[in-house]
C-alpha atoms as a PDB file:
ATOM      1  CA  MET A   1      96.437 122.781  66.309  1.00  0.00           C
ATOM      2  CA  LEU A   2      98.442 122.481  69.445  1.00  0.00           C
ATOM      3  CA  ASN A   3      98.026 118.917  71.207  1.00  0.00           C
ATOM      4  CA  PRO A   4      96.624 119.630  74.257  1.00  0.00           C
ATOM      5  CA  ILE A   5      98.713 116.974  75.815  1.00  0.00           C
ATOM      6  CA  ASN A   6     101.987 118.051  75.296  1.00  0.00           C
ATOM      7  CA  SER A   7     100.987 121.604  75.514  1.00  0.00           C
ATOM      8  CA  PHE A   8      99.435 121.524  79.055  1.00  0.00           C
ATOM      9  CA  ASN A   9     100.564 123.812  81.550  1.00  0.00           C
ATOM     10  CA  LYS A  10     102.883 125.801  79.047  1.00  0.00           C
ATOM     11  CA  SER A  11     101.473 128.784  80.447  1.00  0.00           C
ATOM     12  CA  GLY A  12     102.478 127.746  84.125  1.00  0.00           C
ATOM     13  CA  GLY A  13      98.440 126.506  85.450  1.00  0.00           C
ATOM     14  CA  VAL A  14      98.532 123.909  88.365  1.00  0.00           C
ATOM     15  CA  ALA A  15      96.868 120.270  87.611  1.00  0.00           C
ATOM     16  CA  VAL A  16      95.728 118.338  90.251  1.00  0.00           C
ATOM     17  CA  CYS A  17      96.572 114.332  89.796  1.00  0.00           C
ATOM     18  CA  ALA A  18      96.147 111.284  91.316  1.00  0.00           C
ATOM     19  CA  ILE A  19      99.199 108.587  91.425  1.00  0.00           C
ATOM     20  CA  ALA A  20      98.490 104.858  92.800  1.00  0.00           C
ATOM     21  CA  LEU A  21     101.586 103.555  94.187  1.00  0.00           C
ATOM     22  CA  GLY A  22     102.688 100.029  94.790  1.00  0.00           C
ATOM     23  CA  GLY A  23     105.084  97.134  95.346  1.00  0.00           C
ATOM     24  CA  ASN A  24     106.144  93.779  96.450  1.00  0.00           C
ATOM     25  CA  ILE A  25     109.807  93.226  96.403  1.00  0.00           C
ATOM     26  CA  GLY A  26     112.157  94.245  98.624  1.00  0.00           C
ATOM     27  CA  ASP A  27     111.146  96.762 101.926  1.00  0.00           C
ATOM     28  CA  SER A  28     107.984  97.746  99.747  1.00  0.00           C
ATOM     29  CA  TYR A  29     107.461 100.373 102.795  1.00  0.00           C
ATOM     30  CA  ARG A  30     110.742 102.013 102.241  1.00  0.00           C
ATOM     31  CA  ILE A  31     110.377 102.349  99.014  1.00  0.00           C
ATOM     32  CA  LEU A  32     106.755 103.434  99.142  1.00  0.00           C
ATOM     33  CA  GLU A  33     107.958 106.444 100.899  1.00  0.00           C
ATOM     34  CA  GLU A  34     111.234 107.106  99.644  1.00  0.00           C
ATOM     35  CA  ALA A  35     109.291 107.506  96.191  1.00  0.00           C
ATOM     36  CA  ILE A  36     107.107 109.738  97.660  1.00  0.00           C
ATOM     37  CA  LYS A  37     109.498 111.883  99.016  1.00  0.00           C
ATOM     38  CA  THR A  38     111.415 111.909  95.467  1.00  0.00           C
ATOM     39  CA  LEU A  39     108.227 112.873  93.391  1.00  0.00           C
ATOM     40  CA  ALA A  40     107.537 115.687  96.353  1.00  0.00           C
ATOM     41  CA  GLN A  41     111.054 117.115  95.588  1.00  0.00           C
ATOM     42  CA  THR A  42     110.829 116.883  92.055  1.00  0.00           C
ATOM     43  CA  PRO A  43     110.317 120.288  89.878  1.00  0.00           C
ATOM     44  CA  GLY A  44     106.928 121.072  88.824  1.00  0.00           C
ATOM     45  CA  ILE A  45     105.490 118.324  91.802  1.00  0.00           C
ATOM     46  CA  LYS A  46     104.139 119.111  94.940  1.00  0.00           C
ATOM     47  CA  LEU A  47     102.535 116.852  97.466  1.00  0.00           C
ATOM     48  CA  GLN A  48      99.495 117.421  98.196  1.00  0.00           C
ATOM     49  CA  THR A  49      98.715 114.732 100.425  1.00  0.00           C
ATOM     50  CA  LYS A  50      98.881 110.951 100.625  1.00  0.00           C
ATOM     51  CA  SER A  51      96.790 107.967 102.076  1.00  0.00           C
ATOM     52  CA  SER A  52      97.527 104.975 104.250  1.00  0.00           C
ATOM     53  CA  TRP A  53      99.212 102.099 102.892  1.00  0.00           C
ATOM     54  CA  TYR A  54      97.029  98.616 102.260  1.00  0.00           C
ATOM     55  CA  ARG A  55      97.999  95.272 101.800  1.00  0.00           C
ATOM     56  CA  THR A  56      97.041  93.691  99.377  1.00  0.00           C
ATOM     57  CA  LYS A  57      96.839  90.366  97.513  1.00  0.00           C
ATOM     58  CA  ALA A  58      98.558  90.621  93.999  1.00  0.00           C
ATOM     59  CA  VAL A  59      96.855  90.311  90.179  1.00  0.00           C
ATOM     60  CA  GLY A  60      98.727  88.250  87.880  1.00  0.00           C
ATOM     61  CA  PRO A  61     100.551  85.092  88.384  1.00  0.00           C
ATOM     62  CA  PRO A  62     101.759  83.786  92.106  1.00  0.00           C
ATOM     63  CA  GLN A  63     103.577  86.451  94.282  1.00  0.00           C
ATOM     64  CA  PRO A  64     103.870  88.059  97.396  1.00  0.00           C
ATOM     65  CA  ASP A  65     101.125  90.628  98.721  1.00  0.00           C
ATOM     66  CA  TYR A  66     101.442  94.277  97.673  1.00  0.00           C
ATOM     67  CA  LEU A  67     101.369  97.140  99.953  1.00  0.00           C
ATOM     68  CA  ASN A  68      99.567  99.673  98.140  1.00  0.00           C
ATOM     69  CA  GLY A  69      98.670 103.601  98.526  1.00  0.00           C
ATOM     70  CA  CYS A  70      97.824 106.807  96.379  1.00  0.00           C
ATOM     71  CA  ALA A  71      98.623 110.168  96.517  1.00  0.00           C
ATOM     72  CA  ILE A  72      97.355 113.540  94.968  1.00  0.00           C
ATOM     73  CA  LEU A  73      99.828 115.678  93.607  1.00  0.00           C
ATOM     74  CA  GLN A  74     100.061 119.179  92.236  1.00  0.00           C
ATOM     75  CA  VAL A  75     101.846 119.621  89.408  1.00  0.00           C
ATOM     76  CA  THR A  76     102.771 121.924  86.677  1.00  0.00           C
ATOM     77  CA  MET A  77     103.842 119.725  83.865  1.00  0.00           C
ATOM     78  CA  SER A  78     101.870 117.717  80.955  1.00  0.00           C
ATOM     79  CA  PRO A  79     100.317 114.388  81.352  1.00  0.00           C
ATOM     80  CA  ASP A  80     103.017 113.372  78.981  1.00  0.00           C
ATOM     81  CA  LEU A  81     105.837 114.430  80.962  1.00  0.00           C
ATOM     82  CA  LEU A  82     104.153 113.049  84.287  1.00  0.00           C
ATOM     83  CA  LEU A  83     104.322 110.095  83.212  1.00  0.00           C
ATOM     84  CA  GLU A  84     107.936 110.314  82.207  1.00  0.00           C
ATOM     85  CA  THR A  85     108.922 111.387  85.805  1.00  0.00           C
ATOM     86  CA  LEU A  86     106.885 108.224  87.131  1.00  0.00           C
ATOM     87  CA  LEU A  87     108.547 105.741  84.883  1.00  0.00           C
ATOM     88  CA  ALA A  88     111.834 107.485  85.514  1.00  0.00           C
ATOM     89  CA  THR A  89     111.344 107.276  89.236  1.00  0.00           C
ATOM     90  CA  GLU A  90     110.095 103.467  88.909  1.00  0.00           C
ATOM     91  CA  GLN A  91     113.432 102.592  87.407  1.00  0.00           C
ATOM     92  CA  LYS A  92     115.321 104.717  90.417  1.00  0.00           C
ATOM     93  CA  PHE A  93     113.973 101.970  92.660  1.00  0.00           C
ATOM     94  CA  GLY A  94     114.870  99.166  90.899  1.00  0.00           C
ATOM     95  CA  ARG A  95     111.987  98.415  88.709  1.00  0.00           C
ATOM     96  CA  VAL A  96     112.455  95.983  85.966  1.00  0.00           C
ATOM     97  CA  ARG A  97     109.682  95.493  83.769  1.00  0.00           C
ATOM     98  CA  GLN A  98     109.795  91.359  82.575  1.00  0.00           C
ATOM     99  CA  GLN A  99     106.146  89.924  83.353  1.00  0.00           C
ATOM    100  CA  ARG A 100     102.684  91.747  82.916  1.00  0.00           C
ATOM    101  CA  TRP A 101     101.393  91.783  86.422  1.00  0.00           C
ATOM    102  CA  GLY A 102     104.674  90.316  87.623  1.00  0.00           C
ATOM    103  CA  ALA A 103     106.381  91.524  91.078  1.00  0.00           C
ATOM    104  CA  ARG A 104     107.970  94.348  91.471  1.00  0.00           C
ATOM    105  CA  SER A 105     110.188  96.764  93.551  1.00  0.00           C
ATOM    106  CA  LEU A 106     107.831  99.805  92.772  1.00  0.00           C
ATOM    107  CA  ASP A 107     105.114 100.041  90.685  1.00  0.00           C
ATOM    108  CA  LEU A 108     103.235 104.118  90.018  1.00  0.00           C
ATOM    109  CA  ASP A 109     100.234 104.355  88.143  1.00  0.00           C
ATOM    110  CA  LEU A 110      98.972 108.003  86.701  1.00  0.00           C
ATOM    111  CA  LEU A 111      95.114 107.328  87.696  1.00  0.00           C
ATOM    112  CA  LEU A 112      93.542 111.088  87.106  1.00  0.00           C
ATOM    113  CA  PHE A 113      94.903 114.266  85.708  1.00  0.00           C
ATOM    114  CA  ASP A 114      92.179 117.140  86.337  1.00  0.00           C
ATOM    115  CA  ASP A 115      89.165 115.995  84.349  1.00  0.00           C
ATOM    116  CA  LEU A 116      91.162 115.131  81.209  1.00  0.00           C
ATOM    117  CA  ILE A 117      90.402 112.235  79.292  1.00  0.00           C
ATOM    118  CA  ILE A 118      93.345 110.954  77.243  1.00  0.00           C
ATOM    119  CA  ASN A 119      93.711 108.079  75.192  1.00  0.00           C
ATOM    120  CA  THR A 120      96.703 107.223  73.285  1.00  0.00           C
ATOM    121  CA  PRO A 121      99.270 104.335  72.486  1.00  0.00           C
ATOM    122  CA  HIS A 122     101.022 105.203  75.386  1.00  0.00           C
ATOM    123  CA  LEU A 123      98.607 106.871  77.991  1.00  0.00           C
ATOM    124  CA  GLN A 124      95.390 106.466  78.824  1.00  0.00           C
ATOM    125  CA  ILE A 125      93.904 108.743  81.557  1.00  0.00           C
ATOM    126  CA  PRO A 126      91.763 107.743  83.688  1.00  0.00           C
ATOM    127  CA  HIS A 127      93.793 104.739  83.751  1.00  0.00           C
ATOM    128  CA  PRO A 128      92.129 101.903  82.457  1.00  0.00           C
ATOM    129  CA  ARG A 129      91.669  99.485  85.030  1.00  0.00           C
ATOM    130  CA  MET A 130      91.101 101.592  88.209  1.00  0.00           C
ATOM    131  CA  VAL A 131      87.453 101.273  88.374  1.00  0.00           C
ATOM    132  CA  GLU A 132      88.035  97.873  88.499  1.00  0.00           C
ATOM    133  CA  ARG A 133      90.793  97.571  91.245  1.00  0.00           C
ATOM    134  CA  ALA A 134      89.562  97.892  95.115  1.00  0.00           C
ATOM    135  CA  PHE A 135      93.685  98.498  95.914  1.00  0.00           C
ATOM    136  CA  VAL A 136      93.351 101.702  93.677  1.00  0.00           C
ATOM    137  CA  LEU A 137      89.640 102.664  95.141  1.00  0.00           C
ATOM    138  CA  ILE A 138      89.996 102.177  98.742  1.00  0.00           C
ATOM    139  CA  PRO A 139      93.381 104.296  99.388  1.00  0.00           C
ATOM    140  CA  LEU A 140      91.922 106.866  96.383  1.00  0.00           C
ATOM    141  CA  ALA A 141      88.456 107.043  98.468  1.00  0.00           C
ATOM    142  CA  GLU A 142      90.429 108.162 101.464  1.00  0.00           C
ATOM    143  CA  ILE A 143      91.949 111.055 100.205  1.00  0.00           C
ATOM    144  CA  ALA A 144      89.610 111.972  97.321  1.00  0.00           C
ATOM    145  CA  PRO A 145      86.327 110.876  97.739  1.00  0.00           C
ATOM    146  CA  ASP A 146      84.579 113.203  95.853  1.00  0.00           C
ATOM    147  CA  TRP A 147      86.523 113.068  92.801  1.00  0.00           C
ATOM    148  CA  VAL A 148      84.564 112.361  89.835  1.00  0.00           C
ATOM    149  CA  GLU A 149      85.987 109.708  87.084  1.00  0.00           C
ATOM    150  CA  PRO A 150      85.452 111.730  84.145  1.00  0.00           C
ATOM    151  CA  ILE A 151      84.390 108.430  82.013  1.00  0.00           C
ATOM    152  CA  SER A 152      81.835 107.145  84.632  1.00  0.00           C
ATOM    153  CA  GLY A 153      81.073 110.293  86.059  1.00  0.00           C
ATOM    154  CA  TYR A 154      80.559 108.717  89.416  1.00  0.00           C
ATOM    155  CA  VAL A 155      82.682 110.053  92.441  1.00  0.00           C
ATOM    156  CA  ILE A 156      84.998 107.660  94.073  1.00  0.00           C
ATOM    157  CA  LYS A 157      83.525 107.182  97.072  1.00  0.00           C
ATOM    158  CA  ASP A 158      80.814 105.573  95.122  1.00  0.00           C
ATOM    159  CA  LEU A 159      82.965 103.370  92.964  1.00  0.00           C
ATOM    160  CA  VAL A 160      84.448 101.934  95.700  1.00  0.00           C
ATOM    161  CA  LYS A 161      81.125 100.270  96.900  1.00  0.00           C
ATOM    162  CA  GLU A 162      81.274  98.648  93.566  1.00  0.00           C
ATOM    163  CA  VAL A 163      84.608  96.751  94.058  1.00  0.00           C
ATOM    164  CA  ASP A 164      85.264  93.164  96.115  1.00  0.00           C
ATOM    165  CA  CYS A 165      87.354  95.122  98.894  1.00  0.00           C
ATOM    166  CA  SER A 166      87.856  91.486 100.784  1.00  0.00           C
ATOM    167  CA  ASP A 167      91.648  91.308  99.807  1.00  0.00           C
ATOM    168  CA  VAL A 168      92.337  95.119 100.660  1.00  0.00           C
ATOM    169  CA  GLU A 169      94.075  95.478 104.719  1.00  0.00           C
ATOM    170  CA  LEU A 170      94.780  98.898 106.362  1.00  0.00           C
ATOM    171  CA  CYS A 171      98.547  98.454 107.493  1.00  0.00           C
ATOM    172  CA  SER A 172      98.051  99.983 111.006  1.00  0.00           C
ATOM    173  CA  SER A 173     101.770  99.071 111.696  1.00  0.00           C
ATOM    174  CA  TYR A 174     103.419 101.589 109.629  1.00  0.00           C
END
């Protein structure tokens, strides 16, 4: 039997996925914008839309605030290959993994991939903590309010109503 994760899109099909972007080291706005451009120029990835940028309080150890947003991509690659591409993009922009939830130049998370539910040791879709995080749900609701999160069955615009949004601020200066 074929592994559906690895065999996805071998026939050239297109999937729609949602990613979260964030950073709090260096010029976060420039890094996030350049990361979006890099992904959009990657074979097998087409940028459909991106959210506004939001300033958010950091989760985890004491550190500077984050700049966060989301993007919707059309891809002709498997979830595994997309994850590898996201990780390689993080490294290109100086991401060093030293501390869980520590400060970082770029963080790219694969949130949703069509309506797939995947749970492997190295990949979980939907992202396991996305429904708890206002810094993910607010920008995602801006660009994909009616996307159904496949585990809960709720649309993003309803999930955002269930989280504390007080630490998420729209950045109008970008």
